[in-house]
């Protein structure tokens, strides 16, 4: 999980090239636990746009954002 967070932070700060990927390249697969049950693998969504939203369940603003993302995307 820490490795993913570091990847995302470097991606946000410097763009895709700093993270070691170019547009169109396939990143390494990783699996994350879903909020309620199961897991999600990045490779299950090859060709799709994937939005990762890391938040805390006790943060009201975070919950509103997560809800909006789930319904708007």
N, C-alpha and C. Protein backbone atom coordinates (compact mmCIF):
# COMPACT_ATOMS: atom_id res chain seq x y z
N UNK A 1 0.83 -1.19 0.00
CA UNK A 1 0.00 0.00 0.00
C UNK A 1 0.87 1.25 0.00
N UNK A 2 1.96 1.24 0.77
CA UNK A 2 2.87 2.38 0.80
C UNK A 2 3.49 2.60 -0.56
N UNK A 3 3.83 1.53 -1.25
CA UNK A 3 4.43 1.63 -2.58
C UNK A 3 3.48 2.32 -3.57
N UNK A 4 2.20 1.99 -3.46
CA UNK A 4 1.19 2.60 -4.32
C UNK A 4 1.04 4.08 -4.00
N UNK A 5 1.01 4.41 -2.71
CA UNK A 5 0.87 5.81 -2.30
C UNK A 5 2.05 6.64 -2.80
N UNK A 6 3.26 6.10 -2.69
CA UNK A 6 4.44 6.82 -3.17
C UNK A 6 4.36 7.00 -4.68
N UNK A 7 3.93 5.97 -5.40
CA UNK A 7 3.76 6.07 -6.85
C UNK A 7 2.77 7.17 -7.20
N UNK A 8 1.63 7.21 -6.53
CA UNK A 8 0.61 8.20 -6.84
C UNK A 8 1.07 9.61 -6.51
N UNK A 9 1.77 9.78 -5.40
CA UNK A 9 2.28 11.10 -5.04
C UNK A 9 3.29 11.57 -6.08
N UNK A 10 4.20 10.70 -6.48
CA UNK A 10 5.19 11.10 -7.49
C UNK A 10 4.52 11.40 -8.81
N UNK A 11 3.47 10.68 -9.13
CA UNK A 11 2.73 10.91 -10.37
C UNK A 11 2.04 12.27 -10.33
N UNK A 12 1.45 12.60 -9.20
CA UNK A 12 0.76 13.89 -9.07
C UNK A 12 1.73 15.06 -9.11
N UNK A 13 2.89 14.89 -8.51
CA UNK A 13 3.86 15.99 -8.44
C UNK A 13 4.56 16.21 -9.77
N UNK A 14 4.98 15.14 -10.41
CA UNK A 14 5.85 15.29 -11.57
C UNK A 14 5.29 14.78 -12.88
N UNK A 15 4.15 14.17 -12.90
CA UNK A 15 3.60 13.65 -14.14
C UNK A 15 4.01 12.22 -14.38
N UNK A 16 3.47 11.59 -15.42
CA UNK A 16 3.69 10.17 -15.68
C UNK A 16 5.15 9.79 -15.91
N UNK A 17 5.93 10.66 -16.53
CA UNK A 17 7.32 10.31 -16.84
C UNK A 17 8.13 10.10 -15.57
N UNK A 18 7.85 10.88 -14.52
CA UNK A 18 8.60 10.74 -13.27
C UNK A 18 8.31 9.41 -12.60
N UNK A 19 7.14 8.86 -12.81
CA UNK A 19 6.77 7.58 -12.20
C UNK A 19 7.32 6.41 -13.00
N UNK A 20 7.97 6.67 -14.13
CA UNK A 20 8.57 5.61 -14.91
C UNK A 20 7.69 5.08 -16.03
N UNK A 21 6.54 5.70 -16.25
CA UNK A 21 5.63 5.26 -17.31
C UNK A 21 5.40 6.38 -18.29
N UNK A 22 5.23 6.01 -19.54
CA UNK A 22 4.84 6.95 -20.59
C UNK A 22 3.39 6.69 -20.94
N UNK A 23 2.73 7.66 -21.52
CA UNK A 23 1.35 7.48 -21.94
C UNK A 23 1.28 6.31 -22.92
N UNK A 24 0.37 5.39 -22.68
CA UNK A 24 0.22 4.22 -23.51
C UNK A 24 0.93 2.99 -22.99
N UNK A 25 1.86 3.16 -22.05
CA UNK A 25 2.55 2.01 -21.47
C UNK A 25 1.64 1.33 -20.45
N UNK A 26 1.80 0.04 -20.30
CA UNK A 26 1.02 -0.72 -19.33
C UNK A 26 1.79 -0.76 -18.01
N UNK A 27 1.20 -0.28 -16.92
CA UNK A 27 1.88 -0.31 -15.62
C UNK A 27 1.88 -1.71 -15.03
N UNK A 28 2.62 -1.88 -13.95
CA UNK A 28 2.63 -3.16 -13.24
C UNK A 28 1.24 -3.40 -12.65
N UNK A 29 0.85 -4.65 -12.60
CA UNK A 29 -0.42 -5.00 -11.98
C UNK A 29 -0.29 -4.88 -10.47
N UNK A 30 -1.36 -4.50 -9.82
CA UNK A 30 -1.43 -4.53 -8.36
C UNK A 30 -2.86 -4.82 -7.97
N UNK A 31 -3.03 -5.30 -6.76
CA UNK A 31 -4.35 -5.65 -6.25
C UNK A 31 -4.59 -4.88 -4.96
N UNK A 32 -5.79 -4.32 -4.84
CA UNK A 32 -6.16 -3.58 -3.63
C UNK A 32 -7.45 -4.17 -3.06
N UNK A 33 -7.56 -4.17 -1.73
CA UNK A 33 -8.82 -4.63 -1.14
C UNK A 33 -9.91 -3.59 -1.38
N UNK A 34 -11.12 -4.05 -1.65
CA UNK A 34 -12.26 -3.15 -1.80
C UNK A 34 -12.79 -2.79 -0.42
N UNK A 35 -13.57 -1.74 -0.34
CA UNK A 35 -14.03 -1.22 0.94
C UNK A 35 -14.81 -2.25 1.75
N UNK A 36 -15.72 -2.97 1.12
CA UNK A 36 -16.56 -3.89 1.89
C UNK A 36 -16.16 -5.35 1.78
N UNK A 37 -15.85 -5.82 0.58
CA UNK A 37 -15.41 -7.20 0.41
C UNK A 37 -14.76 -7.35 -0.95
N UNK A 38 -13.87 -8.32 -1.06
CA UNK A 38 -13.23 -8.61 -2.33
C UNK A 38 -11.98 -7.78 -2.59
N UNK A 39 -11.46 -7.92 -3.78
CA UNK A 39 -10.26 -7.22 -4.20
C UNK A 39 -10.45 -6.71 -5.62
N UNK A 40 -9.64 -5.72 -6.00
CA UNK A 40 -9.65 -5.19 -7.35
C UNK A 40 -8.23 -5.23 -7.89
N UNK A 41 -8.07 -5.83 -9.05
CA UNK A 41 -6.78 -5.90 -9.72
C UNK A 41 -6.76 -4.87 -10.84
N UNK A 42 -5.66 -4.16 -10.98
CA UNK A 42 -5.56 -3.17 -12.05
C UNK A 42 -5.74 -3.81 -13.41
N UNK A 43 -5.21 -5.02 -13.61
CA UNK A 43 -5.30 -5.68 -14.91
C UNK A 43 -6.72 -6.09 -15.28
N UNK A 44 -7.64 -6.12 -14.30
CA UNK A 44 -9.04 -6.38 -14.62
C UNK A 44 -9.64 -5.23 -15.42
N UNK A 45 -8.96 -4.08 -15.41
CA UNK A 45 -9.50 -2.87 -16.02
C UNK A 45 -8.60 -2.31 -17.12
N UNK A 46 -7.80 -3.19 -17.75
CA UNK A 46 -6.95 -2.73 -18.84
C UNK A 46 -7.81 -2.09 -19.93
N UNK A 47 -7.38 -0.93 -20.40
CA UNK A 47 -8.12 -0.22 -21.42
C UNK A 47 -9.15 0.75 -20.87
N UNK A 48 -9.43 0.66 -19.57
CA UNK A 48 -10.37 1.57 -18.92
C UNK A 48 -9.62 2.69 -18.21
N UNK A 49 -10.30 3.78 -17.96
CA UNK A 49 -9.74 4.83 -17.11
C UNK A 49 -10.01 4.41 -15.67
N UNK A 50 -8.97 4.39 -14.85
CA UNK A 50 -9.09 3.97 -13.45
C UNK A 50 -8.79 5.16 -12.55
N UNK A 51 -9.70 5.46 -11.64
CA UNK A 51 -9.52 6.53 -10.66
C UNK A 51 -9.36 5.88 -9.29
N UNK A 52 -8.23 6.12 -8.64
CA UNK A 52 -8.02 5.64 -7.29
C UNK A 52 -8.23 6.79 -6.32
N UNK A 53 -9.11 6.62 -5.37
CA UNK A 53 -9.41 7.65 -4.39
C UNK A 53 -9.14 7.08 -3.00
N UNK A 54 -8.08 7.54 -2.37
CA UNK A 54 -7.74 7.10 -1.02
C UNK A 54 -8.32 8.10 -0.04
N UNK A 55 -9.15 7.61 0.89
CA UNK A 55 -9.81 8.49 1.84
C UNK A 55 -10.00 7.76 3.16
N UNK A 56 -10.41 8.52 4.16
CA UNK A 56 -10.72 7.94 5.47
C UNK A 56 -12.23 7.93 5.65
N UNK A 57 -12.74 6.93 6.33
CA UNK A 57 -14.18 6.81 6.49
C UNK A 57 -14.73 7.83 7.49
N UNK A 58 -13.89 8.38 8.36
CA UNK A 58 -14.38 9.35 9.34
C UNK A 58 -14.37 10.78 8.82
N UNK A 59 -13.85 11.02 7.64
CA UNK A 59 -13.76 12.36 7.06
C UNK A 59 -15.03 12.65 6.24
N UNK A 60 -15.87 13.58 6.73
CA UNK A 60 -17.14 13.88 6.07
C UNK A 60 -16.92 14.34 4.62
N UNK A 61 -15.98 15.24 4.40
CA UNK A 61 -15.69 15.71 3.05
C UNK A 61 -15.20 14.59 2.14
N UNK A 62 -14.39 13.69 2.70
CA UNK A 62 -13.89 12.55 1.93
C UNK A 62 -15.03 11.63 1.51
N UNK A 63 -15.95 11.39 2.43
CA UNK A 63 -17.10 10.54 2.12
C UNK A 63 -17.98 11.16 1.04
N UNK A 64 -18.18 12.48 1.11
CA UNK A 64 -18.97 13.16 0.08
C UNK A 64 -18.28 13.05 -1.28
N UNK A 65 -16.96 13.24 -1.28
CA UNK A 65 -16.21 13.13 -2.54
C UNK A 65 -16.31 11.72 -3.10
N UNK A 66 -16.14 10.71 -2.26
CA UNK A 66 -16.21 9.32 -2.71
C UNK A 66 -17.60 9.02 -3.27
N UNK A 67 -18.63 9.50 -2.61
CA UNK A 67 -20.00 9.30 -3.08
C UNK A 67 -20.19 9.96 -4.43
N UNK A 68 -19.71 11.18 -4.59
CA UNK A 68 -19.82 11.89 -5.88
C UNK A 68 -19.08 11.16 -6.98
N UNK A 69 -17.87 10.69 -6.69
CA UNK A 69 -17.10 9.97 -7.68
C UNK A 69 -17.83 8.70 -8.12
N UNK A 70 -18.39 8.00 -7.16
CA UNK A 70 -19.08 6.74 -7.48
C UNK A 70 -20.28 6.98 -8.39
N UNK A 71 -20.98 8.08 -8.21
CA UNK A 71 -22.18 8.32 -8.99
C UNK A 71 -21.94 9.13 -10.25
N UNK A 72 -20.88 9.94 -10.27
CA UNK A 72 -20.65 10.83 -11.42
C UNK A 72 -19.76 10.22 -12.50
N UNK A 73 -19.00 9.23 -12.15
CA UNK A 73 -18.07 8.67 -13.14
C UNK A 73 -18.67 7.44 -13.78
